Amino acid sequence: MKIVKITARWLFSLCLPVMLFTASVSAAANCIWLYEYGFNKYDVSQVTGLAPVEMEKVARGLIGYWNSGDETFNITVIKDGHPFTVFNQREVAHLKDVKAIFQLVYKLLIGTGAYVLIYAGVALFWWRDKRRLGWGLLGGGGITLVLMAAVGIMIIWDFDQFFLQFHLFSFANDFWQLNPATDYLIMLFPQGFWFDAALFCAGGTALMALMLGGVGWWLKRKYRDEKR
């Protein structure tokens, strides 16, 4: 039984970084504020010629697409007083690939989140071992902070290379290679936006790890006299 508990605790600690990171990515993908922040910061309205209200329609349409059963996405907005279809065929194909990644992120979040909740419930109510849960939270929080520190350093040190390697690893085609002069997907979301989004995800993950690690440290100290 002891081996089972140790194995379960380590699996819990390893699931925490995945759960926290996928939670941050999911939050970013569905955060209209982040989209609008990028539009404002990078003068996207001036670059695209789209009014802020039309860009908001695009952002909300994308958020709906990530969470829908639709295979592809495109949207028509008003530009210069006339209907305008925002994305071309290549951009639509790339958005389909991006959605597949977000769907995988959602599945990882649900899977790891379910295990974390089950383990916490078993540790609290069956084993009645709050100290073991504290160790798991502390370990998982520590692993997460180390990983996010490494990611943060890579992002700040050479984001161009980080961004390139991410695309080469994540996509089996070249639909992501878009023209910033003609393709609206890259006009709406320039590389600076993705730099900010990456920091948002890494920072959000680290913050949650600090909070859970703090809870773990408190549990470990409060129940230090409990048997392991």
C-alpha atoms as a PDB file:
ATOM      1  CA  MET A   1       0.000   0.000   0.000  1.00  0.00           C
ATOM      2  CA  LYS A   2       2.905   2.328   0.744  1.00  0.00           C
ATOM      3  CA  ILE A   3       4.282   1.875  -2.780  1.00  0.00           C
ATOM      4  CA  VAL A   4       0.845   2.652  -4.207  1.00  0.00           C
ATOM      5  CA  LYS A   5       0.642   5.843  -2.161  1.00  0.00           C
ATOM      6  CA  ILE A   6       4.123   6.969  -3.171  1.00  0.00           C
ATOM      7  CA  THR A   7       3.456   6.254  -6.849  1.00  0.00           C
ATOM      8  CA  ALA A   8       0.097   8.020  -6.702  1.00  0.00           C
ATOM      9  CA  ARG A   9       1.681  11.062  -5.044  1.00  0.00           C
ATOM     10  CA  TRP A  10       4.413  11.336  -7.657  1.00  0.00           C
ATOM     11  CA  LEU A  11       1.867  11.003 -10.437  1.00  0.00           C
ATOM     12  CA  PHE A  12      -0.141  13.743  -8.726  1.00  0.00           C
ATOM     13  CA  SER A  13       2.928  15.995  -8.613  1.00  0.00           C
ATOM     14  CA  LEU A  14       3.654  15.341 -12.293  1.00  0.00           C
ATOM     15  CA  CYS A  15       0.053  15.988 -13.315  1.00  0.00           C
ATOM     16  CA  LEU A  16       0.004  19.377 -11.604  1.00  0.00           C
ATOM     17  CA  PRO A  17       2.331  21.158 -14.092  1.00  0.00           C
ATOM     18  CA  VAL A  18       0.330  19.823 -17.032  1.00  0.00           C
ATOM     19  CA  MET A  19      -2.970  20.777 -15.423  1.00  0.00           C
ATOM     20  CA  LEU A  20      -1.830  24.279 -14.507  1.00  0.00           C
ATOM     21  CA  PHE A  21      -0.228  25.019 -17.870  1.00  0.00           C
ATOM     22  CA  THR A  22      -3.181  23.739 -19.883  1.00  0.00           C
ATOM     23  CA  ALA A  23      -5.489  25.745 -17.619  1.00  0.00           C
ATOM     24  CA  SER A  24      -3.486  28.890 -18.415  1.00  0.00           C
ATOM     25  CA  VAL A  25      -3.499  28.173 -22.151  1.00  0.00           C
ATOM     26  CA  SER A  26      -7.247  27.500 -22.057  1.00  0.00           C
ATOM     27  CA  ALA A  27      -7.819  30.748 -20.185  1.00  0.00           C
ATOM     28  CA  ALA A  28      -5.725  32.688 -22.707  1.00  0.00           C
ATOM     29  CA  ALA A  29      -7.514  31.142 -25.688  1.00  0.00           C
ATOM     30  CA  ASN A  30     -10.883  32.166 -24.256  1.00  0.00           C
ATOM     31  CA  CYS A  31      -9.947  35.567 -22.801  1.00  0.00           C
ATOM     32  CA  ILE A  32     -11.482  38.326 -24.920  1.00  0.00           C
ATOM     33  CA  TRP A  33      -9.520  40.864 -22.870  1.00  0.00           C
ATOM     34  CA  LEU A  34      -6.224  39.365 -24.084  1.00  0.00           C
ATOM     35  CA  TYR A  35      -7.315  39.605 -27.715  1.00  0.00           C
ATOM     36  CA  GLU A  36      -8.420  43.223 -27.315  1.00  0.00           C
ATOM     37  CA  TYR A  37      -5.236  44.069 -25.401  1.00  0.00           C
ATOM     38  CA  GLY A  38      -3.206  42.846 -28.369  1.00  0.00           C
ATOM     39  CA  PHE A  39      -5.368  44.740 -30.851  1.00  0.00           C
ATOM     40  CA  ASN A  40      -4.824  47.974 -28.932  1.00  0.00           C
ATOM     41  CA  LYS A  41      -1.133  47.492 -28.147  1.00  0.00           C
ATOM     42  CA  TYR A  42      -0.125  46.671 -31.715  1.00  0.00           C
ATOM     43  CA  ASP A  43      -2.416  49.188 -33.483  1.00  0.00           C
ATOM     44  CA  VAL A  44      -4.159  46.360 -35.298  1.00  0.00           C
ATOM     45  CA  SER A  45      -7.043  48.594 -36.370  1.00  0.00           C
ATOM     46  CA  GLN A  46      -4.641  50.819 -38.295  1.00  0.00           C
ATOM     47  CA  VAL A  47      -2.823  47.840 -39.815  1.00  0.00           C
ATOM     48  CA  THR A  48      -5.959  45.998 -40.933  1.00  0.00           C
ATOM     49  CA  GLY A  49      -8.298  48.903 -41.591  1.00  0.00           C
ATOM     50  CA  LEU A  50     -10.915  47.208 -39.415  1.00  0.00           C
ATOM     51  CA  ALA A  51     -12.860  49.097 -36.772  1.00  0.00           C
ATOM     52  CA  PRO A  52     -12.438  47.897 -33.157  1.00  0.00           C
ATOM     53  CA  VAL A  53     -16.006  46.576 -33.106  1.00  0.00           C
ATOM     54  CA  GLU A  54     -15.278  44.445 -36.182  1.00  0.00           C
ATOM     55  CA  MET A  55     -12.064  43.097 -34.647  1.00  0.00           C
ATOM     56  CA  GLU A  56     -14.033  42.177 -31.544  1.00  0.00           C
ATOM     57  CA  LYS A  57     -16.406  40.196 -33.764  1.00  0.00           C
ATOM     58  CA  VAL A  58     -13.432  38.280 -35.145  1.00  0.00           C
ATOM     59  CA  ALA A  59     -12.068  37.595 -31.656  1.00  0.00           C
ATOM     60  CA  ARG A  60     -15.408  36.389 -30.325  1.00  0.00           C
ATOM     61  CA  GLY A  61     -15.892  34.297 -33.443  1.00  0.00           C
ATOM     62  CA  LEU A  62     -12.535  32.601 -32.896  1.00  0.00           C
ATOM     63  CA  ILE A  63     -13.307  31.913 -29.238  1.00  0.00           C
ATOM     64  CA  GLY A  64     -16.599  30.359 -30.274  1.00  0.00           C
ATOM     65  CA  TYR A  65     -14.805  28.287 -32.911  1.00  0.00           C
ATOM     66  CA  TRP A  66     -12.272  26.859 -30.440  1.00  0.00           C
ATOM     67  CA  ASN A  67     -15.174  25.533 -28.377  1.00  0.00           C
ATOM     68  CA  SER A  68     -17.487  24.404 -31.165  1.00  0.00           C
ATOM     69  CA  GLY A  69     -17.845  21.307 -33.275  1.00  0.00           C
ATOM     70  CA  ASP A  70     -17.296  23.279 -36.479  1.00  0.00           C
ATOM     71  CA  GLU A  71     -14.533  21.916 -38.693  1.00  0.00           C
ATOM     72  CA  THR A  72     -13.505  25.254 -40.185  1.00  0.00           C
ATOM     73  CA  PHE A  73     -14.009  28.940 -39.456  1.00  0.00           C
ATOM     74  CA  ASN A  74     -14.264  32.157 -41.388  1.00  0.00           C
ATOM     75  CA  ILE A  75     -16.082  35.399 -40.735  1.00  0.00           C
ATOM     76  CA  THR A  76     -17.392  38.339 -42.720  1.00  0.00           C
ATOM     77  CA  VAL A  77     -17.069  41.820 -41.224  1.00  0.00           C
ATOM     78  CA  ILE A  78     -17.529  45.356 -42.475  1.00  0.00           C
ATOM     79  CA  LYS A  79     -14.480  47.122 -43.913  1.00  0.00           C
ATOM     80  CA  ASP A  80     -14.706  50.537 -45.570  1.00  0.00           C
ATOM     81  CA  GLY A  81     -18.479  50.196 -45.549  1.00  0.00           C
ATOM     82  CA  HIS A  82     -18.534  46.885 -47.425  1.00  0.00           C
ATOM     83  CA  PRO A  83     -18.736  43.198 -46.394  1.00  0.00           C
ATOM     84  CA  PHE A  84     -15.269  41.681 -46.141  1.00  0.00           C
ATOM     85  CA  THR A  85     -14.317  38.032 -45.634  1.00  0.00           C
ATOM     86  CA  VAL A  86     -11.372  38.107 -43.260  1.00  0.00           C
ATOM     87  CA  PHE A  87      -9.450  34.885 -43.873  1.00  0.00           C
ATOM     88  CA  ASN A  88      -8.220  33.179 -47.031  1.00  0.00           C
ATOM     89  CA  GLN A  89      -8.088  29.425 -47.633  1.00  0.00           C
ATOM     90  CA  ARG A  90      -4.577  29.022 -46.226  1.00  0.00           C
ATOM     91  CA  GLU A  91      -5.482  30.879 -43.039  1.00  0.00           C
ATOM     92  CA  VAL A  92      -8.646  28.798 -42.621  1.00  0.00           C
ATOM     93  CA  ALA A  93      -6.541  25.635 -42.897  1.00  0.00           C
ATOM     94  CA  HIS A  94      -4.112  26.914 -40.274  1.00  0.00           C
ATOM     95  CA  LEU A  95      -6.938  27.838 -37.909  1.00  0.00           C
ATOM     96  CA  LYS A  96      -8.171  24.261 -38.194  1.00  0.00           C
ATOM     97  CA  ASP A  97      -4.730  23.058 -37.046  1.00  0.00           C
ATOM     98  CA  VAL A  98      -4.698  25.570 -34.187  1.00  0.00           C
ATOM     99  CA  LYS A  99      -8.107  24.378 -33.053  1.00  0.00           C
ATOM    100  CA  ALA A 100      -6.815  20.788 -32.972  1.00  0.00           C
ATOM    101  CA  ILE A 101      -4.074  21.912 -30.576  1.00  0.00           C
ATOM    102  CA  PHE A 102      -6.563  23.692 -28.328  1.00  0.00           C
ATOM    103  CA  GLN A 103      -8.785  20.609 -28.318  1.00  0.00           C
ATOM    104  CA  LEU A 104      -5.784  18.536 -27.200  1.00  0.00           C
ATOM    105  CA  VAL A 105      -5.074  21.114 -24.496  1.00  0.00           C
ATOM    106  CA  TYR A 106      -8.664  20.814 -23.263  1.00  0.00           C
ATOM    107  CA  LYS A 107      -8.399  17.020 -23.106  1.00  0.00           C
ATOM    108  CA  LEU A 108      -5.131  17.177 -21.169  1.00  0.00           C
ATOM    109  CA  LEU A 109      -6.679  19.675 -18.766  1.00  0.00           C
ATOM    110  CA  ILE A 110      -9.704  17.458 -18.150  1.00  0.00           C
ATOM    111  CA  GLY A 111      -7.602  14.301 -17.751  1.00  0.00           C
ATOM    112  CA  THR A 112      -4.995  15.712 -15.399  1.00  0.00           C
ATOM    113  CA  GLY A 113      -7.584  17.782 -13.552  1.00  0.00           C
ATOM    114  CA  ALA A 114      -9.690  14.685 -12.928  1.00  0.00           C
ATOM    115  CA  TYR A 115      -6.704  12.789 -11.525  1.00  0.00           C
ATOM    116  CA  VAL A 116      -5.668  15.719  -9.317  1.00  0.00           C
ATOM    117  CA  LEU A 117      -9.171  16.005  -7.868  1.00  0.00           C
ATOM    118  CA  ILE A 118      -9.492  12.250  -7.345  1.00  0.00           C
ATOM    119  CA  TYR A 119      -6.108  12.034  -5.639  1.00  0.00           C
ATOM    120  CA  ALA A 120      -6.887  15.015  -3.407  1.00  0.00           C
ATOM    121  CA  GLY A 121     -10.221  13.463  -2.454  1.00  0.00           C
ATOM    122  CA  VAL A 122      -8.673  10.086  -1.673  1.00  0.00           C
ATOM    123  CA  ALA A 123      -5.825  11.660   0.333  1.00  0.00           C
ATOM    124  CA  LEU A 124      -8.208  13.812   2.361  1.00  0.00           C
ATOM    125  CA  PHE A 125     -11.167  11.521   2.933  1.00  0.00           C
ATOM    126  CA  TRP A 126      -9.927   7.940   2.551  1.00  0.00           C
ATOM    127  CA  TRP A 127      -6.298   7.962   3.615  1.00  0.00           C
ATOM    128  CA  ARG A 128      -6.878  11.007   5.819  1.00  0.00           C
ATOM    129  CA  ASP A 129      -3.311  12.006   5.074  1.00  0.00           C
ATOM    130  CA  LYS A 130      -3.167  15.769   4.632  1.00  0.00           C
ATOM    131  CA  ARG A 131       0.596  15.764   4.971  1.00  0.00           C
ATOM    132  CA  ARG A 132       0.973  13.487   1.951  1.00  0.00           C
ATOM    133  CA  LEU A 133      -1.295  15.800  -0.023  1.00  0.00           C
ATOM    134  CA  GLY A 134       0.845  18.717   1.133  1.00  0.00           C
ATOM    135  CA  TRP A 135       3.988  17.007  -0.133  1.00  0.00           C
ATOM    136  CA  GLY A 136       2.306  16.361  -3.470  1.00  0.00           C
ATOM    137  CA  LEU A 137       1.224  19.974  -3.840  1.00  0.00           C
ATOM    138  CA  LEU A 138       4.636  21.252  -2.812  1.00  0.00           C
ATOM    139  CA  GLY A 139       6.415  18.907  -5.210  1.00  0.00           C
ATOM    140  CA  GLY A 140       4.080  19.646  -8.104  1.00  0.00           C
ATOM    141  CA  GLY A 141       4.283  23.368  -7.468  1.00  0.00           C
ATOM    142  CA  GLY A 142       8.075  23.217  -7.376  1.00  0.00           C
ATOM    143  CA  ILE A 143       8.301  21.238 -10.620  1.00  0.00           C
ATOM    144  CA  THR A 144       5.945  23.704 -12.282  1.00  0.00           C
ATOM    145  CA  LEU A 145       7.968  26.721 -11.159  1.00  0.00           C
ATOM    146  CA  VAL A 146      11.208  25.219 -12.478  1.00  0.00           C
ATOM    147  CA  LEU A 147       9.604  24.436 -15.836  1.00  0.00           C
ATOM    148  CA  MET A 148       7.989  27.863 -16.136  1.00  0.00           C
ATOM    149  CA  ALA A 149      11.256  29.567 -15.205  1.00  0.00           C
ATOM    150  CA  ALA A 150      12.954  27.666 -18.033  1.00  0.00           C
ATOM    151  CA  VAL A 151      10.169  28.555 -20.465  1.00  0.00           C
ATOM    152  CA  GLY A 152      10.263  32.191 -19.360  1.00  0.00           C
ATOM    153  CA  ILE A 153      14.011  32.386 -19.932  1.00  0.00           C
ATOM    154  CA  MET A 154      13.651  30.897 -23.428  1.00  0.00           C
ATOM    155  CA  ILE A 155      10.838  33.315 -24.279  1.00  0.00           C
ATOM    156  CA  ILE A 156      12.743  36.383 -23.120  1.00  0.00           C
ATOM    157  CA  TRP A 157      16.156  35.267 -24.395  1.00  0.00           C
ATOM    158  CA  ASP A 158      15.173  34.376 -27.975  1.00  0.00           C
ATOM    159  CA  PHE A 159      11.448  34.399 -28.646  1.00  0.00           C
ATOM    160  CA  ASP A 160      11.935  34.259 -32.424  1.00  0.00           C
ATOM    161  CA  GLN A 161      13.645  30.879 -32.142  1.00  0.00           C
ATOM    162  CA  PHE A 162      11.195  29.681 -29.485  1.00  0.00           C
ATOM    163  CA  PHE A 163       8.255  30.624 -31.712  1.00  0.00           C
ATOM    164  CA  LEU A 164       9.808  28.956 -34.755  1.00  0.00           C
ATOM    165  CA  GLN A 165      10.575  25.700 -32.946  1.00  0.00           C
ATOM    166  CA  PHE A 166       7.064  25.615 -31.491  1.00  0.00           C
ATOM    167  CA  HIS A 167       5.567  25.789 -34.982  1.00  0.00           C
ATOM    168  CA  LEU A 168       7.961  23.225 -36.442  1.00  0.00           C
ATOM    169  CA  PHE A 169       7.116  20.828 -33.604  1.00  0.00           C
ATOM    170  CA  SER A 170       3.362  21.459 -33.525  1.00  0.00           C
ATOM    171  CA  PHE A 171       2.386  21.569 -37.196  1.00  0.00           C
ATOM    172  CA  ALA A 172       2.964  18.963 -39.887  1.00  0.00           C
ATOM    173  CA  ASN A 173       2.434  21.460 -42.721  1.00  0.00           C
ATOM    174  CA  ASP A 174       3.488  24.989 -43.664  1.00  0.00           C
ATOM    175  CA  PHE A 175       0.086  26.689 -43.440  1.00  0.00           C
ATOM    176  CA  TRP A 176       1.455  28.692 -40.508  1.00  0.00           C
ATOM    177  CA  GLN A 177       3.907  30.464 -42.826  1.00  0.00           C
ATOM    178  CA  LEU A 178       1.799  33.518 -43.620  1.00  0.00           C
ATOM    179  CA  ASN A 179       2.480  36.869 -45.260  1.00  0.00           C
ATOM    180  CA  PRO A 180       2.162  39.802 -42.815  1.00  0.00           C
ATOM    181  CA  ALA A 181       1.488  42.145 -45.730  1.00  0.00           C
ATOM    182  CA  THR A 182      -1.555  40.280 -47.053  1.00  0.00           C
ATOM    183  CA  ASP A 183      -2.794  37.698 -44.526  1.00  0.00           C
ATOM    184  CA  TYR A 184      -5.159  39.050 -41.910  1.00  0.00           C
ATOM    185  CA  LEU A 185      -4.517  36.291 -39.386  1.00  0.00           C
ATOM    186  CA  ILE A 186      -0.971  37.500 -38.872  1.00  0.00           C
ATOM    187  CA  MET A 187      -2.054  41.153 -39.070  1.00  0.00           C
ATOM    188  CA  LEU A 188      -4.583  40.582 -36.296  1.00  0.00           C
ATOM    189  CA  PHE A 189      -2.155  38.546 -34.208  1.00  0.00           C
ATOM    190  CA  PRO A 190       1.433  39.683 -34.872  1.00  0.00           C
ATOM    191  CA  GLN A 191       4.390  37.984 -33.241  1.00  0.00           C
ATOM    192  CA  GLY A 192       4.400  40.542 -30.435  1.00  0.00           C
ATOM    193  CA  PHE A 193       0.936  39.377 -29.453  1.00  0.00           C
ATOM    194  CA  TRP A 194       2.192  35.803 -29.149  1.00  0.00           C
ATOM    195  CA  PHE A 195       5.128  36.965 -27.049  1.00  0.00           C
ATOM    196  CA  ASP A 196       2.678  38.594 -24.647  1.00  0.00           C
ATOM    197  CA  ALA A 197       0.382  35.556 -24.715  1.00  0.00           C
ATOM    198  CA  ALA A 198       3.296  33.222 -23.957  1.00  0.00           C
ATOM    199  CA  LEU A 199       4.313  35.335 -20.966  1.00  0.00           C
ATOM    200  CA  PHE A 200       0.668  35.435 -19.861  1.00  0.00           C
ATOM    201  CA  CYS A 201       0.503  31.628 -19.904  1.00  0.00           C
ATOM    202  CA  ALA A 202       3.874  31.109 -18.216  1.00  0.00           C
ATOM    203  CA  GLY A 203       3.165  33.783 -15.599  1.00  0.00           C
ATOM    204  CA  GLY A 204      -0.341  32.511 -14.916  1.00  0.00           C
ATOM    205  CA  THR A 205       0.940  28.973 -14.535  1.00  0.00           C
ATOM    206  CA  ALA A 206       3.697  30.092 -12.167  1.00  0.00           C
ATOM    207  CA  LEU A 207       1.238  32.106 -10.070  1.00  0.00           C
ATOM    208  CA  MET A 208      -1.093  29.132  -9.657  1.00  0.00           C
ATOM    209  CA  ALA A 209       1.892  26.931  -8.823  1.00  0.00           C
ATOM    210  CA  LEU A 210       2.961  29.360  -6.107  1.00  0.00           C
ATOM    211  CA  MET A 211      -0.525  29.322  -4.633  1.00  0.00           C
ATOM    212  CA  LEU A 212      -0.853  25.529  -4.628  1.00  0.00           C
ATOM    213  CA  GLY A 213       2.728  25.128  -3.435  1.00  0.00           C
ATOM    214  CA  GLY A 214       1.949  27.514  -0.586  1.00  0.00           C
ATOM    215  CA  VAL A 215      -1.056  25.415   0.384  1.00  0.00           C
ATOM    216  CA  GLY A 216       1.135  22.323   0.246  1.00  0.00           C
ATOM    217  CA  TRP A 217       3.783  23.909   2.461  1.00  0.00           C
ATOM    218  CA  TRP A 218       1.085  24.903   4.976  1.00  0.00           C
ATOM    219  CA  LEU A 219      -0.406  21.394   5.028  1.00  0.00           C
ATOM    220  CA  LYS A 220       3.022  19.810   5.412  1.00  0.00           C
ATOM    221  CA  ARG A 221       3.882  22.002   8.381  1.00  0.00           C
ATOM    222  CA  LYS A 222       0.477  21.884  10.047  1.00  0.00           C
ATOM    223  CA  TYR A 223       0.245  18.092   9.869  1.00  0.00           C
ATOM    224  CA  ARG A 224       3.938  17.262  10.204  1.00  0.00           C
ATOM    225  CA  ASP A 225       3.267  14.872  13.075  1.00  0.00           C
ATOM    226  CA  GLU A 226       1.049  12.652  10.917  1.00  0.00           C
ATOM    227  CA  LYS A 227       2.479   9.347   9.774  1.00  0.00           C
ATOM    228  CA  ARG A 228       3.625   9.186   6.192  1.00  0.00           C
END
